[in-house]
Amino acid sequence: MAKYIGNTAELAGNSRDERLLNNRFILARLAELVEKYPDWRFHQLLQNAGVSRPGEDQFYEESKKTFENMKT
């Protein structure tokens, strides 16, 4: 069962499920932004949402941190 803490969710002892849930949160937020700003290109969307941060290596960043860093 998910436990919500601020903007993120933590699942007791299961990092795979926690990652999946945070990925779904990220996608839901991006879907909202696509509807709100239909003229944005995809990479504009990612950067303006705070998902993509130029100059930072985010390859191994956990989804929880990505979601926490997203702009609201």
N, C-alpha and C. Protein backbone atom coordinates (compact mmCIF):
# COMPACT_ATOMS: atom_id res chain seq x y z
N MET A 1 0.85 -1.18 0.00
CA MET A 1 0.00 0.00 0.00
C MET A 1 0.89 1.24 0.00
N ALA A 2 0.50 2.23 -0.77
CA ALA A 2 1.28 3.46 -0.89
C ALA A 2 1.07 4.36 0.32
N LYS A 3 2.15 5.01 0.71
CA LYS A 3 2.09 6.01 1.76
C LYS A 3 2.57 7.32 1.13
N TYR A 4 1.72 8.33 1.13
CA TYR A 4 2.05 9.59 0.49
C TYR A 4 2.77 10.50 1.46
N ILE A 5 3.90 11.03 1.02
CA ILE A 5 4.69 11.96 1.81
C ILE A 5 5.00 13.13 0.91
N GLY A 6 4.34 14.24 1.16
CA GLY A 6 4.52 15.39 0.27
C GLY A 6 4.02 15.05 -1.11
N ASN A 7 4.88 15.21 -2.11
CA ASN A 7 4.50 14.93 -3.49
C ASN A 7 4.86 13.51 -3.92
N THR A 8 5.41 12.71 -3.04
CA THR A 8 5.88 11.39 -3.45
C THR A 8 5.14 10.29 -2.71
N ALA A 9 5.37 9.09 -3.15
CA ALA A 9 4.78 7.93 -2.48
C ALA A 9 5.90 6.98 -2.11
N GLU A 10 5.78 6.39 -0.96
CA GLU A 10 6.75 5.39 -0.53
C GLU A 10 5.99 4.10 -0.23
N LEU A 11 6.51 3.01 -0.69
CA LEU A 11 5.92 1.71 -0.44
C LEU A 11 6.85 0.95 0.48
N ALA A 12 6.30 0.37 1.49
CA ALA A 12 7.09 -0.30 2.52
C ALA A 12 8.00 -1.36 1.92
N GLY A 13 9.30 -1.08 1.89
CA GLY A 13 10.30 -2.06 1.54
C GLY A 13 10.33 -2.54 0.10
N ASN A 14 9.66 -1.89 -0.82
CA ASN A 14 9.66 -2.38 -2.19
C ASN A 14 10.02 -1.24 -3.14
N SER A 15 11.31 -1.11 -3.43
CA SER A 15 11.77 0.00 -4.26
C SER A 15 11.26 -0.10 -5.69
N ARG A 16 11.02 -1.32 -6.18
CA ARG A 16 10.50 -1.49 -7.54
C ARG A 16 9.10 -0.91 -7.64
N ASP A 17 8.24 -1.21 -6.67
CA ASP A 17 6.88 -0.68 -6.68
C ASP A 17 6.88 0.83 -6.46
N GLU A 18 7.77 1.30 -5.60
CA GLU A 18 7.88 2.73 -5.36
C GLU A 18 8.30 3.45 -6.63
N ARG A 19 9.26 2.89 -7.35
CA ARG A 19 9.72 3.48 -8.60
C ARG A 19 8.59 3.51 -9.62
N LEU A 20 7.86 2.42 -9.73
CA LEU A 20 6.74 2.35 -10.67
C LEU A 20 5.70 3.42 -10.34
N LEU A 21 5.35 3.55 -9.09
CA LEU A 21 4.35 4.53 -8.67
C LEU A 21 4.83 5.95 -8.95
N ASN A 22 6.06 6.25 -8.65
CA ASN A 22 6.60 7.59 -8.94
C ASN A 22 6.67 7.85 -10.44
N ASN A 23 6.99 6.83 -11.24
CA ASN A 23 6.96 6.98 -12.70
C ASN A 23 5.55 7.33 -13.17
N ARG A 24 4.56 6.70 -12.58
CA ARG A 24 3.17 7.00 -12.94
C ARG A 24 2.80 8.43 -12.55
N PHE A 25 3.28 8.89 -11.38
CA PHE A 25 3.04 10.27 -10.97
C PHE A 25 3.66 11.24 -11.97
N ILE A 26 4.89 10.95 -12.40
CA ILE A 26 5.58 11.81 -13.37
C ILE A 26 4.79 11.86 -14.67
N LEU A 27 4.36 10.71 -15.16
CA LEU A 27 3.59 10.67 -16.41
C LEU A 27 2.26 11.40 -16.28
N ALA A 28 1.61 11.28 -15.15
CA ALA A 28 0.33 11.97 -14.94
C ALA A 28 0.54 13.48 -14.96
N ARG A 29 1.60 13.93 -14.31
CA ARG A 29 1.89 15.37 -14.29
C ARG A 29 2.24 15.87 -15.69
N LEU A 30 3.01 15.09 -16.44
CA LEU A 30 3.34 15.48 -17.81
C LEU A 30 2.09 15.52 -18.68
N ALA A 31 1.17 14.59 -18.48
CA ALA A 31 -0.09 14.57 -19.22
C ALA A 31 -0.89 15.85 -18.95
N GLU A 32 -0.90 16.30 -17.70
CA GLU A 32 -1.58 17.55 -17.36
C GLU A 32 -0.96 18.73 -18.11
N LEU A 33 0.37 18.75 -18.15
CA LEU A 33 1.07 19.86 -18.80
C LEU A 33 0.86 19.83 -20.31
N VAL A 34 0.78 18.65 -20.91
CA VAL A 34 0.53 18.54 -22.35
C VAL A 34 -0.80 19.19 -22.69
N GLU A 35 -1.80 18.97 -21.86
CA GLU A 35 -3.12 19.56 -22.09
C GLU A 35 -3.11 21.07 -21.84
N LYS A 36 -2.37 21.49 -20.84
CA LYS A 36 -2.33 22.91 -20.49
C LYS A 36 -1.51 23.73 -21.48
N TYR A 37 -0.44 23.13 -22.01
CA TYR A 37 0.46 23.83 -22.93
C TYR A 37 0.64 23.01 -24.22
N PRO A 38 -0.38 22.96 -25.06
CA PRO A 38 -0.31 22.11 -26.25
C PRO A 38 0.73 22.55 -27.29
N ASP A 39 1.20 23.78 -27.19
CA ASP A 39 2.19 24.26 -28.17
C ASP A 39 3.63 23.91 -27.80
N TRP A 40 3.84 23.44 -26.58
CA TRP A 40 5.20 23.07 -26.18
C TRP A 40 5.65 21.81 -26.92
N ARG A 41 6.90 21.81 -27.34
CA ARG A 41 7.50 20.59 -27.89
C ARG A 41 7.84 19.66 -26.72
N PHE A 42 8.09 18.39 -27.03
CA PHE A 42 8.27 17.41 -25.97
C PHE A 42 9.44 17.75 -25.05
N HIS A 43 10.57 18.14 -25.61
CA HIS A 43 11.72 18.45 -24.75
C HIS A 43 11.51 19.77 -24.00
N GLN A 44 10.73 20.68 -24.55
CA GLN A 44 10.36 21.88 -23.80
C GLN A 44 9.53 21.47 -22.59
N LEU A 45 8.62 20.55 -22.81
CA LEU A 45 7.78 20.04 -21.73
C LEU A 45 8.63 19.44 -20.61
N LEU A 46 9.58 18.58 -20.99
CA LEU A 46 10.44 17.94 -19.99
C LEU A 46 11.29 18.96 -19.23
N GLN A 47 11.85 19.90 -19.95
CA GLN A 47 12.70 20.88 -19.30
C GLN A 47 11.89 21.85 -18.45
N ASN A 48 10.78 22.34 -18.95
CA ASN A 48 9.96 23.29 -18.19
C ASN A 48 9.32 22.64 -16.97
N ALA A 49 9.10 21.33 -17.02
CA ALA A 49 8.54 20.62 -15.88
C ALA A 49 9.60 20.29 -14.83
N GLY A 50 10.86 20.44 -15.20
CA GLY A 50 11.94 20.13 -14.27
C GLY A 50 12.39 18.69 -14.34
N VAL A 51 11.92 17.95 -15.34
CA VAL A 51 12.34 16.55 -15.50
C VAL A 51 13.74 16.50 -16.08
N SER A 52 13.96 17.26 -17.12
CA SER A 52 15.26 17.33 -17.77
C SER A 52 15.95 18.60 -17.31
N ARG A 53 17.15 18.45 -16.78
CA ARG A 53 17.91 19.59 -16.29
C ARG A 53 19.26 19.63 -17.03
N PRO A 54 19.39 20.54 -17.99
CA PRO A 54 20.61 20.60 -18.79
C PRO A 54 21.87 20.69 -17.92
N GLY A 55 22.87 19.96 -18.34
CA GLY A 55 24.14 19.98 -17.63
C GLY A 55 24.24 18.99 -16.49
N GLU A 56 23.13 18.32 -16.17
CA GLU A 56 23.14 17.33 -15.09
C GLU A 56 23.02 15.92 -15.68
N ASP A 57 23.80 15.01 -15.15
CA ASP A 57 23.70 13.61 -15.54
C ASP A 57 22.63 12.96 -14.68
N GLN A 58 21.49 12.68 -15.26
CA GLN A 58 20.36 12.14 -14.53
C GLN A 58 20.09 10.67 -14.85
N PHE A 59 21.04 10.02 -15.51
CA PHE A 59 20.83 8.65 -15.97
C PHE A 59 20.46 7.71 -14.83
N TYR A 60 21.11 7.84 -13.69
CA TYR A 60 20.86 6.94 -12.56
C TYR A 60 19.97 7.56 -11.48
N GLU A 61 19.38 8.71 -11.78
CA GLU A 61 18.53 9.36 -10.80
C GLU A 61 17.26 8.53 -10.57
N GLU A 62 16.92 8.34 -9.32
CA GLU A 62 15.71 7.59 -8.99
C GLU A 62 14.47 8.41 -9.34
N SER A 63 13.41 7.72 -9.71
CA SER A 63 12.16 8.37 -10.10
C SER A 63 11.60 9.23 -8.98
N LYS A 64 11.78 8.82 -7.75
CA LYS A 64 11.30 9.59 -6.62
C LYS A 64 11.93 10.98 -6.61
N LYS A 65 13.24 11.03 -6.83
CA LYS A 65 13.95 12.32 -6.84
C LYS A 65 13.50 13.15 -8.03
N THR A 66 13.32 12.52 -9.20
CA THR A 66 12.85 13.23 -10.38
C THR A 66 11.49 13.86 -10.10
N PHE A 67 10.59 13.08 -9.51
CA PHE A 67 9.25 13.60 -9.22
C PHE A 67 9.31 14.73 -8.19
N GLU A 68 10.14 14.58 -7.19
CA GLU A 68 10.29 15.63 -6.17
C GLU A 68 10.85 16.92 -6.78
N ASN A 69 11.69 16.79 -7.79
CA ASN A 69 12.30 17.96 -8.42
C ASN A 69 11.40 18.62 -9.46
N MET A 70 10.31 17.96 -9.81
CA MET A 70 9.41 18.54 -10.83
C MET A 70 8.81 19.83 -10.31
N LYS A 71 8.68 20.79 -11.22
CA LYS A 71 8.04 22.07 -10.89
C LYS A 71 6.53 21.86 -10.92
N THR A 72 5.85 22.51 -10.03
CA THR A 72 4.39 22.37 -9.99
C THR A 72 3.71 23.47 -10.75
